[in-house]
Amino acid sequence: MKDVEYFTFMMPPSIWKKKPHQSSFKMSIEEAAARCPEATPIMSTREVHQHPETQAEWAERQKYFSGYTPGSGPTTQEEIGSRLREYNERMKRDQGPAK
C-alpha cells in the first residue's frame, strides 16, 4: 500500500471569495497543484490515506465494501430469502393471534 498525504489548503482570493479561505475538501499536494498552484497546505490538517498499489491489495480492500464479507453471513439470494422468511415467522409468533 502506498501512503498519500491529504491536507486542507489555504486558497487565494477568487472571483467568488474576496479573501483567502480554506479549501472545502482535503486534497493531496499533487491535486492542489493541478487545481490551484498558489494554494498552500495547512500542515495541522494532515491525514495519511493508504492507497492500494497492486490488484491483490485492491481486491482485499474491496471485500469490505461489497456488503458481505466471506463467512460472515448469507451471500446468495436463497440464503437471504430463508433468513427473511425465518424472521417473518418469528415476528408472527411473537405478535400472537390477530384480534
Protein backbone atom coordinates (compact mmCIF):
# COMPACT_ATOMS: atom_id res chain seq x y z
CA MET A 1 0.00 0.00 0.00
CA LYS A 2 1.14 3.50 -0.80
CA ASP A 3 0.71 6.27 1.80
CA VAL A 4 -0.70 9.52 0.40
CA GLU A 5 -0.87 12.71 2.45
CA TYR A 6 -4.00 14.88 2.29
CA PHE A 7 -4.32 18.43 3.58
CA THR A 8 -6.82 21.25 3.78
CA PHE A 9 -5.36 24.09 1.72
CA MET A 10 -5.41 27.85 2.10
CA MET A 11 -6.77 29.06 -1.19
CA PRO A 12 -6.03 32.52 -2.64
CA PRO A 13 -8.80 35.08 -3.22
CA SER A 14 -11.06 34.32 -6.18
CA ILE A 15 -14.00 35.81 -8.05
CA TRP A 16 -16.43 34.30 -5.55
CA LYS A 17 -14.45 34.78 -2.34
CA LYS A 18 -12.59 38.04 -1.94
CA LYS A 19 -10.38 36.86 0.95
CA PRO A 20 -8.06 33.87 1.28
CA HIS A 21 -10.06 30.88 2.50
CA GLN A 22 -9.70 27.20 3.38
CA SER A 23 -10.48 24.61 0.76
CA SER A 24 -13.80 22.86 1.33
CA PHE A 25 -12.23 19.39 0.99
CA LYS A 26 -8.85 17.76 1.52
CA MET A 27 -6.50 17.24 -1.40
CA SER A 28 -3.10 15.74 -1.99
CA ILE A 29 -0.30 18.15 -2.86
CA GLU A 30 -0.41 16.98 -6.49
CA GLU A 31 -4.18 17.57 -6.76
CA ALA A 32 -3.86 21.02 -5.22
CA ALA A 33 -1.01 21.96 -7.57
CA ALA A 34 -3.14 20.95 -10.56
CA ARG A 35 -6.21 22.87 -9.32
CA CYS A 36 -4.55 25.97 -7.93
CA PRO A 37 -0.75 26.35 -7.90
CA GLU A 38 -0.92 29.22 -5.35
CA ALA A 39 -2.65 27.07 -2.70
CA THR A 40 -0.64 26.32 0.44
CA PRO A 41 -1.24 23.30 2.70
CA ILE A 42 -2.30 23.77 6.31
CA MET A 43 0.11 21.35 7.96
CA SER A 44 -2.01 20.76 11.08
CA THR A 45 -4.77 19.21 8.91
CA ARG A 46 -2.56 16.39 7.58
CA GLU A 47 -4.21 12.99 7.02
CA VAL A 48 -2.50 9.92 5.62
CA HIS A 49 -4.56 7.53 3.50
CA GLN A 50 -3.38 4.18 2.19
CA HIS A 51 -3.97 3.52 -1.49
CA PRO A 52 -3.63 0.00 -2.96
CA GLU A 53 -0.86 -0.41 -5.50
CA THR A 54 -1.43 -3.98 -6.72
CA GLN A 55 -4.54 -5.81 -7.90
CA ALA A 56 -4.34 -8.14 -4.87
CA GLU A 57 -4.35 -5.18 -2.45
CA TRP A 58 -7.30 -3.69 -4.33
CA ALA A 59 -9.28 -6.94 -4.11
CA GLU A 60 -8.50 -7.25 -0.38
CA ARG A 61 -9.84 -3.75 0.24
CA GLN A 62 -12.94 -4.21 -1.95
CA LYS A 63 -14.22 -7.19 0.03
CA TYR A 64 -15.07 -4.84 2.90
CA PHE A 65 -17.26 -2.66 0.67
CA SER A 66 -19.22 -5.43 -1.04
CA GLY A 67 -21.83 -5.62 1.72
CA TYR A 68 -20.90 -9.07 2.95
CA THR A 69 -17.53 -10.38 3.99
CA PRO A 70 -16.83 -14.07 3.35
CA GLY A 71 -18.14 -16.30 6.12
CA SER A 72 -19.98 -13.54 7.98
CA GLY A 73 -23.50 -14.21 6.75
CA PRO A 74 -25.75 -15.25 3.88
CA THR A 75 -24.46 -14.33 0.46
CA THR A 76 -26.84 -15.95 -2.05
CA GLN A 77 -30.42 -14.91 -2.76
CA GLU A 78 -31.70 -18.22 -1.36
CA GLU A 79 -29.83 -17.77 1.93
CA ILE A 80 -31.01 -14.20 2.29
CA GLY A 81 -34.59 -15.22 1.45
CA SER A 82 -34.57 -18.03 4.01
CA ARG A 83 -33.33 -15.63 6.72
CA LEU A 84 -36.12 -13.19 5.83
CA ARG A 85 -38.75 -15.95 6.00
CA GLU A 86 -37.43 -17.08 9.39
CA TYR A 87 -37.56 -13.52 10.65
CA ASN A 88 -41.14 -13.00 9.43
CA GLU A 89 -42.28 -16.27 11.04
CA ARG A 90 -40.70 -15.26 14.37
CA MET A 91 -42.42 -11.86 14.20
CA LYS A 92 -45.79 -13.51 13.60
CA ARG A 93 -45.29 -15.90 16.55
CA ASP A 94 -44.21 -13.07 18.85
CA GLN A 95 -47.24 -10.92 17.98
CA GLY A 96 -49.65 -13.71 18.83
CA PRO A 97 -53.07 -14.26 17.26
CA ALA A 98 -54.62 -11.35 15.37
CA LYS A 99 -57.58 -9.65 17.09
